[in-house]
Amino acid sequence: MVLRCAIVDDEPLAIGLLESYANKTPFLQLVGKYSSAVQAMKELPGEKVDLLFLDIQMPELNGLEFSKMVDSRTRIVFTTAFGQYAIDGYRVNALDYLLKPISYIDFLQAANKALQWFELVQKPEEIDSIFVKSDYKLVQVELKKIMYIEGLKDYIKIYTEDASKPILSLMSMKAMEELLPSSRFIRVHRSFIVQKDKIRVIDRGRIVFDKTYIPISDSYKQVFQAFLDERS
């Protein structure tokens, strides 16, 4: 698989360094480099970009603001000299956050993470596990062990069969839903995704896991009923 990537940075030296890194990474194809977010905003929509290396502190329009305008299918790796933006980067579903000066090893790790993400998305029904960020580490979670996932504003909690406490990750429910195969998981509420095969008890319109009651919201009742009809 080859990922089409682009660079947005107002520092020519930074663009040159990232360009050299991209050119020597076999699975990356550099399709654009832009000296400002404003320039990228005008020209980027004409290019199909899988991965965007995006500086944060730029004049006129900063990277965090621009990231909200980028196509949702594009994965973003922030590149910046300022560590205080890390949490903000994760809140907009950045795939990774690289602190300048950036080494090729760090660049390659972020690129590999993107490659893995796209491979999972392209073959979602064949995957056995996913990787999520927890405590600044990538944690592998086996799909068959997931009971349900709870969304809490900027975070999610993944509840599994064999863990004493849930796995906490700074990502959105939308991003998690995109990682999971729809044949195995169903969203029943704005704040809950459950594994279909783990549903054993439904009590008064709620899914019961031990002592936890998961509501089925009105907006998802039709989808959930279709699942029940198919199962019966």
C-alpha atoms as a PDB file:
ATOM      1  CA  MET A   1       0.000   0.000   0.000  1.00  0.00           C
ATOM      2  CA  VAL A   2       1.203   3.523  -0.852  1.00  0.00           C
ATOM      3  CA  LEU A   3      -0.033   6.517   1.144  1.00  0.00           C
ATOM      4  CA  ARG A   4      -0.327   9.908  -0.534  1.00  0.00           C
ATOM      5  CA  CYS A   5       1.037  12.535   1.850  1.00  0.00           C
ATOM      6  CA  ALA A   6       1.448  16.312   2.036  1.00  0.00           C
ATOM      7  CA  ILE A   7       3.350  18.787   4.214  1.00  0.00           C
ATOM      8  CA  VAL A   8       2.136  22.114   5.611  1.00  0.00           C
ATOM      9  CA  ASP A   9       4.765  24.215   7.396  1.00  0.00           C
ATOM     10  CA  ASP A  10       5.794  27.866   7.281  1.00  0.00           C
ATOM     11  CA  GLU A  11       9.494  27.017   7.795  1.00  0.00           C
ATOM     12  CA  PRO A  12      11.344  26.150   4.545  1.00  0.00           C
ATOM     13  CA  LEU A  13      13.936  24.100   6.435  1.00  0.00           C
ATOM     14  CA  ALA A  14      11.216  22.027   8.094  1.00  0.00           C
ATOM     15  CA  ILE A  15       9.539  21.409   4.728  1.00  0.00           C
ATOM     16  CA  GLY A  16      12.867  20.339   3.240  1.00  0.00           C
ATOM     17  CA  LEU A  17      13.581  17.930   6.097  1.00  0.00           C
ATOM     18  CA  LEU A  18      10.131  16.327   6.007  1.00  0.00           C
ATOM     19  CA  GLU A  19      10.282  16.122   2.220  1.00  0.00           C
ATOM     20  CA  SER A  20      13.583  14.215   2.438  1.00  0.00           C
ATOM     21  CA  TYR A  21      12.056  11.851   4.999  1.00  0.00           C
ATOM     22  CA  ALA A  22       8.969  11.237   2.853  1.00  0.00           C
ATOM     23  CA  ASN A  23      11.063  10.598  -0.267  1.00  0.00           C
ATOM     24  CA  LYS A  24      13.085   7.854   1.406  1.00  0.00           C
ATOM     25  CA  THR A  25      10.045   6.113   2.914  1.00  0.00           C
ATOM     26  CA  PRO A  26       8.970   3.463   0.376  1.00  0.00           C
ATOM     27  CA  PHE A  27       5.247   3.518   1.157  1.00  0.00           C
ATOM     28  CA  LEU A  28       4.863   7.326   1.049  1.00  0.00           C
ATOM     29  CA  GLN A  29       4.204   9.416  -2.058  1.00  0.00           C
ATOM     30  CA  LEU A  30       4.594  13.163  -1.521  1.00  0.00           C
ATOM     31  CA  VAL A  31       1.888  14.956  -3.507  1.00  0.00           C
ATOM     32  CA  GLY A  32       2.071  18.461  -2.042  1.00  0.00           C
ATOM     33  CA  LYS A  33       4.016  20.864   0.165  1.00  0.00           C
ATOM     34  CA  TYR A  34       2.599  24.169   1.354  1.00  0.00           C
ATOM     35  CA  SER A  35       4.147  27.094   3.213  1.00  0.00           C
ATOM     36  CA  SER A  36       0.928  28.075   4.998  1.00  0.00           C
ATOM     37  CA  ALA A  37      -2.429  26.665   6.013  1.00  0.00           C
ATOM     38  CA  VAL A  38      -4.094  29.320   3.860  1.00  0.00           C
ATOM     39  CA  GLN A  39      -2.253  28.059   0.782  1.00  0.00           C
ATOM     40  CA  ALA A  40      -3.088  24.464   1.668  1.00  0.00           C
ATOM     41  CA  MET A  41      -6.740  25.365   2.186  1.00  0.00           C
ATOM     42  CA  LYS A  42      -6.880  26.630  -1.409  1.00  0.00           C
ATOM     43  CA  GLU A  43      -4.862  23.891  -3.100  1.00  0.00           C
ATOM     44  CA  LEU A  44      -5.216  20.764  -0.962  1.00  0.00           C
ATOM     45  CA  PRO A  45      -8.855  19.958  -1.853  1.00  0.00           C
ATOM     46  CA  GLY A  46      -7.705  19.160  -5.385  1.00  0.00           C
ATOM     47  CA  GLU A  47      -5.435  16.385  -4.130  1.00  0.00           C
ATOM     48  CA  LYS A  48      -6.367  13.064  -2.551  1.00  0.00           C
ATOM     49  CA  VAL A  49      -4.258  13.052   0.621  1.00  0.00           C
ATOM     50  CA  ASP A  50      -4.126  10.133   3.013  1.00  0.00           C
ATOM     51  CA  LEU A  51      -1.611  11.584   5.463  1.00  0.00           C
ATOM     52  CA  LEU A  52      -0.912  15.220   6.315  1.00  0.00           C
ATOM     53  CA  PHE A  53       2.174  16.398   8.223  1.00  0.00           C
ATOM     54  CA  LEU A  54       0.881  19.643   9.679  1.00  0.00           C
ATOM     55  CA  ASP A  55       2.675  22.376  11.630  1.00  0.00           C
ATOM     56  CA  ILE A  56       0.625  24.011  14.386  1.00  0.00           C
ATOM     57  CA  GLN A  57       1.949  27.520  14.954  1.00  0.00           C
ATOM     58  CA  MET A  58       1.537  29.374  11.657  1.00  0.00           C
ATOM     59  CA  PRO A  59       0.384  32.916  10.820  1.00  0.00           C
ATOM     60  CA  GLU A  60      -3.196  33.722   9.719  1.00  0.00           C
ATOM     61  CA  LEU A  61      -4.529  30.193  10.245  1.00  0.00           C
ATOM     62  CA  ASN A  62      -2.893  27.771  12.670  1.00  0.00           C
ATOM     63  CA  GLY A  63      -2.682  24.022  12.231  1.00  0.00           C
ATOM     64  CA  LEU A  64      -5.245  23.169  14.888  1.00  0.00           C
ATOM     65  CA  GLU A  65      -7.840  25.371  13.193  1.00  0.00           C
ATOM     66  CA  PHE A  66      -6.964  24.074   9.743  1.00  0.00           C
ATOM     67  CA  SER A  67      -7.141  20.426  10.873  1.00  0.00           C
ATOM     68  CA  LYS A  68     -10.882  20.861  11.450  1.00  0.00           C
ATOM     69  CA  MET A  69     -11.314  21.768   7.764  1.00  0.00           C
ATOM     70  CA  VAL A  70      -9.415  18.781   6.382  1.00  0.00           C
ATOM     71  CA  ASP A  71     -11.257  15.855   4.825  1.00  0.00           C
ATOM     72  CA  SER A  72     -12.224  13.402   7.577  1.00  0.00           C
ATOM     73  CA  ARG A  73     -10.538  10.561   5.655  1.00  0.00           C
ATOM     74  CA  THR A  74      -7.144  12.292   5.907  1.00  0.00           C
ATOM     75  CA  ARG A  75      -5.028  11.294   8.914  1.00  0.00           C
ATOM     76  CA  ILE A  76      -3.054  14.112  10.553  1.00  0.00           C
ATOM     77  CA  VAL A  77       0.380  14.083  12.173  1.00  0.00           C
ATOM     78  CA  PHE A  78       1.139  17.381  13.889  1.00  0.00           C
ATOM     79  CA  THR A  79       4.703  18.700  13.700  1.00  0.00           C
ATOM     80  CA  THR A  80       5.632  21.526  16.044  1.00  0.00           C
ATOM     81  CA  ALA A  81       8.338  22.975  18.259  1.00  0.00           C
ATOM     82  CA  PHE A  82       5.879  23.593  21.098  1.00  0.00           C
ATOM     83  CA  GLY A  83       5.021  20.691  23.410  1.00  0.00           C
ATOM     84  CA  GLN A  84       2.069  22.440  25.045  1.00  0.00           C
ATOM     85  CA  TYR A  85      -0.094  21.690  22.006  1.00  0.00           C
ATOM     86  CA  ALA A  86       0.032  17.900  22.486  1.00  0.00           C
ATOM     87  CA  ILE A  87      -3.318  17.531  24.255  1.00  0.00           C
ATOM     88  CA  ASP A  88      -5.020  19.853  21.753  1.00  0.00           C
ATOM     89  CA  GLY A  89      -3.611  17.669  18.978  1.00  0.00           C
ATOM     90  CA  TYR A  90      -5.166  14.524  20.393  1.00  0.00           C
ATOM     91  CA  ARG A  91      -8.495  16.270  20.861  1.00  0.00           C
ATOM     92  CA  VAL A  92      -8.826  16.792  17.120  1.00  0.00           C
ATOM     93  CA  ASN A  93      -8.075  13.103  16.499  1.00  0.00           C
ATOM     94  CA  ALA A  94      -4.495  13.557  15.358  1.00  0.00           C
ATOM     95  CA  LEU A  95      -2.850  10.252  14.561  1.00  0.00           C
ATOM     96  CA  ASP A  96       0.423  11.396  16.110  1.00  0.00           C
ATOM     97  CA  TYR A  97       2.297  14.430  17.420  1.00  0.00           C
ATOM     98  CA  LEU A  98       5.973  15.009  16.532  1.00  0.00           C
ATOM     99  CA  LEU A  99       8.084  17.515  18.422  1.00  0.00           C
ATOM    100  CA  LYS A 100      10.761  19.390  16.460  1.00  0.00           C
ATOM    101  CA  PRO A 101      13.573  18.715  15.761  1.00  0.00           C
ATOM    102  CA  ILE A 102      12.097  15.580  14.220  1.00  0.00           C
ATOM    103  CA  SER A 103      14.299  12.533  13.686  1.00  0.00           C
ATOM    104  CA  TYR A 104      13.701  10.116  10.838  1.00  0.00           C
ATOM    105  CA  ILE A 105      12.942   7.356  13.371  1.00  0.00           C
ATOM    106  CA  ASP A 106      10.105   9.416  14.889  1.00  0.00           C
ATOM    107  CA  PHE A 107       8.848  10.314  11.414  1.00  0.00           C
ATOM    108  CA  LEU A 108       8.916   6.663  10.315  1.00  0.00           C
ATOM    109  CA  GLN A 109       7.053   5.505  13.425  1.00  0.00           C
ATOM    110  CA  ALA A 110       4.272   8.017  12.742  1.00  0.00           C
ATOM    111  CA  ALA A 111       4.143   7.003   9.077  1.00  0.00           C
ATOM    112  CA  ASN A 112       3.967   3.326  10.033  1.00  0.00           C
ATOM    113  CA  LYS A 113       1.114   4.104  12.390  1.00  0.00           C
ATOM    114  CA  ALA A 114      -0.748   5.717   9.500  1.00  0.00           C
ATOM    115  CA  LEU A 115      -0.046   2.731   7.264  1.00  0.00           C
ATOM    116  CA  GLN A 116      -1.417   0.393   9.893  1.00  0.00           C
ATOM    117  CA  TRP A 117      -4.532   2.545  10.290  1.00  0.00           C
ATOM    118  CA  PHE A 118      -5.297   2.493   6.564  1.00  0.00           C
ATOM    119  CA  GLU A 119      -4.705  -1.244   6.334  1.00  0.00           C
ATOM    120  CA  LEU A 120      -7.211  -1.783   9.131  1.00  0.00           C
ATOM    121  CA  VAL A 121      -9.784   0.498   7.514  1.00  0.00           C
ATOM    122  CA  GLN A 122      -9.460  -1.178   4.110  1.00  0.00           C
ATOM    123  CA  LYS A 123     -10.037  -4.644   5.565  1.00  0.00           C
ATOM    124  CA  PRO A 124     -12.160  -3.951   8.649  1.00  0.00           C
ATOM    125  CA  GLU A 125     -13.926  -7.340   8.649  1.00  0.00           C
ATOM    126  CA  GLU A 126     -10.655  -9.281   8.759  1.00  0.00           C
ATOM    127  CA  ILE A 127      -8.968  -7.671  11.749  1.00  0.00           C
ATOM    128  CA  ASP A 128      -8.639  -9.408  15.108  1.00  0.00           C
ATOM    129  CA  SER A 129      -7.363  -6.475  17.141  1.00  0.00           C
ATOM    130  CA  ILE A 130      -6.947  -2.713  17.164  1.00  0.00           C
ATOM    131  CA  PHE A 131      -4.363  -0.361  18.633  1.00  0.00           C
ATOM    132  CA  VAL A 132      -5.383   2.585  20.811  1.00  0.00           C
ATOM    133  CA  LYS A 133      -3.371   5.219  22.649  1.00  0.00           C
ATOM    134  CA  SER A 134      -3.482   4.893  26.427  1.00  0.00           C
ATOM    135  CA  ASP A 135      -1.094   6.682  28.794  1.00  0.00           C
ATOM    136  CA  TYR A 136       1.048   7.750  25.812  1.00  0.00           C
ATOM    137  CA  LYS A 137       1.458   4.121  24.718  1.00  0.00           C
ATOM    138  CA  LEU A 138      -0.096   2.106  21.914  1.00  0.00           C
ATOM    139  CA  VAL A 139      -2.145  -0.691  23.455  1.00  0.00           C
ATOM    140  CA  GLN A 140      -3.344  -3.677  21.437  1.00  0.00           C
ATOM    141  CA  VAL A 141      -6.942  -4.679  22.172  1.00  0.00           C
ATOM    142  CA  GLU A 142      -8.381  -7.979  20.956  1.00  0.00           C
ATOM    143  CA  LEU A 143     -11.804  -7.402  19.419  1.00  0.00           C
ATOM    144  CA  LYS A 144     -13.238 -10.661  20.723  1.00  0.00           C
ATOM    145  CA  LYS A 145     -12.636  -9.502  24.312  1.00  0.00           C
ATOM    146  CA  ILE A 146     -14.415  -6.139  24.024  1.00  0.00           C
ATOM    147  CA  MET A 147     -17.779  -5.997  25.803  1.00  0.00           C
ATOM    148  CA  TYR A 148     -18.664  -2.373  25.157  1.00  0.00           C
ATOM    149  CA  ILE A 149     -17.152   1.084  24.688  1.00  0.00           C
ATOM    150  CA  GLU A 150     -18.258   4.209  26.516  1.00  0.00           C
ATOM    151  CA  GLY A 151     -17.681   7.751  25.291  1.00  0.00           C
ATOM    152  CA  LEU A 152     -16.851  10.478  27.810  1.00  0.00           C
ATOM    153  CA  LYS A 153     -16.439  13.826  26.051  1.00  0.00           C
ATOM    154  CA  ASP A 154     -12.848  13.723  24.681  1.00  0.00           C
ATOM    155  CA  TYR A 155     -12.161  10.206  25.957  1.00  0.00           C
ATOM    156  CA  ILE A 156     -13.406   6.666  25.504  1.00  0.00           C
ATOM    157  CA  LYS A 157     -13.397   3.734  27.911  1.00  0.00           C
ATOM    158  CA  ILE A 158     -13.011   0.224  26.481  1.00  0.00           C
ATOM    159  CA  TYR A 159     -14.486  -2.477  28.722  1.00  0.00           C
ATOM    160  CA  THR A 160     -13.114  -5.970  28.120  1.00  0.00           C
ATOM    161  CA  GLU A 161     -13.869  -9.388  29.587  1.00  0.00           C
ATOM    162  CA  ASP A 162     -10.539  -9.964  31.296  1.00  0.00           C
ATOM    163  CA  ALA A 163      -9.521  -6.517  32.544  1.00  0.00           C
ATOM    164  CA  SER A 164     -10.109  -5.271  36.082  1.00  0.00           C
ATOM    165  CA  LYS A 165     -10.537  -1.729  34.798  1.00  0.00           C
ATOM    166  CA  PRO A 166     -11.355  -0.194  31.398  1.00  0.00           C
ATOM    167  CA  ILE A 167      -8.744   1.012  28.937  1.00  0.00           C
ATOM    168  CA  LEU A 168      -8.869   4.820  28.779  1.00  0.00           C
ATOM    169  CA  SER A 169      -7.969   6.498  25.487  1.00  0.00           C
ATOM    170  CA  LEU A 170      -8.058  10.098  24.312  1.00  0.00           C
ATOM    171  CA  MET A 171     -10.091   9.746  21.106  1.00  0.00           C
ATOM    172  CA  SER A 172     -13.636  10.343  19.893  1.00  0.00           C
ATOM    173  CA  MET A 173     -16.427   7.804  19.579  1.00  0.00           C
ATOM    174  CA  LYS A 174     -16.562   8.571  15.858  1.00  0.00           C
ATOM    175  CA  ALA A 175     -12.896   7.663  15.422  1.00  0.00           C
ATOM    176  CA  MET A 176     -13.395   4.441  17.375  1.00  0.00           C
ATOM    177  CA  GLU A 177     -16.514   3.538  15.406  1.00  0.00           C
ATOM    178  CA  GLU A 178     -14.533   3.887  12.164  1.00  0.00           C
ATOM    179  CA  LEU A 179     -11.949   1.380  13.443  1.00  0.00           C
ATOM    180  CA  LEU A 180     -14.460  -1.315  14.379  1.00  0.00           C
ATOM    181  CA  PRO A 181     -16.030  -3.781  11.915  1.00  0.00           C
ATOM    182  CA  SER A 182     -19.761  -3.098  11.650  1.00  0.00           C
ATOM    183  CA  SER A 183     -20.445  -6.834  11.350  1.00  0.00           C
ATOM    184  CA  ARG A 184     -19.381  -7.244  14.987  1.00  0.00           C
ATOM    185  CA  PHE A 185     -20.190  -3.948  16.693  1.00  0.00           C
ATOM    186  CA  ILE A 186     -23.248  -1.728  16.868  1.00  0.00           C
ATOM    187  CA  ARG A 187     -23.706   1.787  18.192  1.00  0.00           C
ATOM    188  CA  VAL A 188     -26.785   1.995  20.400  1.00  0.00           C
ATOM    189  CA  HIS A 189     -26.330   5.431  21.931  1.00  0.00           C
ATOM    190  CA  ARG A 190     -24.270   8.557  21.411  1.00  0.00           C
ATOM    191  CA  SER A 191     -22.068   7.330  24.266  1.00  0.00           C
ATOM    192  CA  PHE A 192     -22.086   3.552  23.757  1.00  0.00           C
ATOM    193  CA  ILE A 193     -20.903   0.964  21.223  1.00  0.00           C
ATOM    194  CA  VAL A 194     -21.459  -2.701  22.069  1.00  0.00           C
ATOM    195  CA  GLN A 195     -20.236  -5.988  20.630  1.00  0.00           C
ATOM    196  CA  LYS A 196     -23.214  -7.784  19.103  1.00  0.00           C
ATOM    197  CA  ASP A 197     -22.189 -11.268  20.236  1.00  0.00           C
ATOM    198  CA  LYS A 198     -21.876 -10.130  23.852  1.00  0.00           C
ATOM    199  CA  ILE A 199     -25.507  -9.003  24.108  1.00  0.00           C
ATOM    200  CA  ARG A 200     -27.285 -11.542  26.328  1.00  0.00           C
ATOM    201  CA  VAL A 201     -29.894  -9.615  28.296  1.00  0.00           C
ATOM    202  CA  ILE A 202     -32.169  -6.747  27.249  1.00  0.00           C
ATOM    203  CA  ASP A 203     -34.279  -5.301  30.042  1.00  0.00           C
ATOM    204  CA  ARG A 204     -36.813  -2.526  29.442  1.00  0.00           C
ATOM    205  CA  GLY A 205     -35.011  -1.143  26.435  1.00  0.00           C
ATOM    206  CA  ARG A 206     -31.558  -1.400  27.989  1.00  0.00           C
ATOM    207  CA  ILE A 207     -28.676  -3.775  27.355  1.00  0.00           C
ATOM    208  CA  VAL A 208     -27.454  -5.402  30.559  1.00  0.00           C
ATOM    209  CA  PHE A 209     -23.807  -6.270  31.237  1.00  0.00           C
ATOM    210  CA  ASP A 210     -23.582  -7.605  34.795  1.00  0.00           C
ATOM    211  CA  LYS A 211     -24.613  -4.532  36.831  1.00  0.00           C
ATOM    212  CA  THR A 212     -24.241  -2.053  33.980  1.00  0.00           C
ATOM    213  CA  TYR A 213     -27.317  -0.894  32.063  1.00  0.00           C
ATOM    214  CA  ILE A 214     -26.659   0.581  28.641  1.00  0.00           C
ATOM    215  CA  PRO A 215     -29.503   2.675  27.201  1.00  0.00           C
ATOM    216  CA  ILE A 216     -30.656   2.405  23.601  1.00  0.00           C
ATOM    217  CA  SER A 217     -31.403   5.937  22.428  1.00  0.00           C
ATOM    218  CA  ASP A 218     -34.310   6.794  20.138  1.00  0.00           C
ATOM    219  CA  SER A 219     -31.991   7.711  17.256  1.00  0.00           C
ATOM    220  CA  TYR A 220     -30.494   4.197  17.246  1.00  0.00           C
ATOM    221  CA  LYS A 221     -33.620   2.132  18.020  1.00  0.00           C
ATOM    222  CA  GLN A 222     -34.410   1.424  14.391  1.00  0.00           C
ATOM    223  CA  VAL A 223     -30.895   0.135  13.685  1.00  0.00           C
ATOM    224  CA  PHE A 224     -30.933  -1.931  16.868  1.00  0.00           C
ATOM    225  CA  GLN A 225     -34.336  -3.423  16.051  1.00  0.00           C
ATOM    226  CA  ALA A 226     -33.051  -4.437  12.627  1.00  0.00           C
ATOM    227  CA  PHE A 227     -30.173  -6.200  14.361  1.00  0.00           C
ATOM    228  CA  LEU A 228     -32.600  -8.042  16.672  1.00  0.00           C
ATOM    229  CA  ASP A 229     -34.819  -9.062  13.735  1.00  0.00           C
ATOM    230  CA  GLU A 230     -31.779 -10.415  11.907  1.00  0.00           C
ATOM    231  CA  ARG A 231     -30.676 -12.316  14.998  1.00  0.00           C
ATOM    232  CA  SER A 232     -34.046 -13.927  15.721  1.00  0.00           C
END
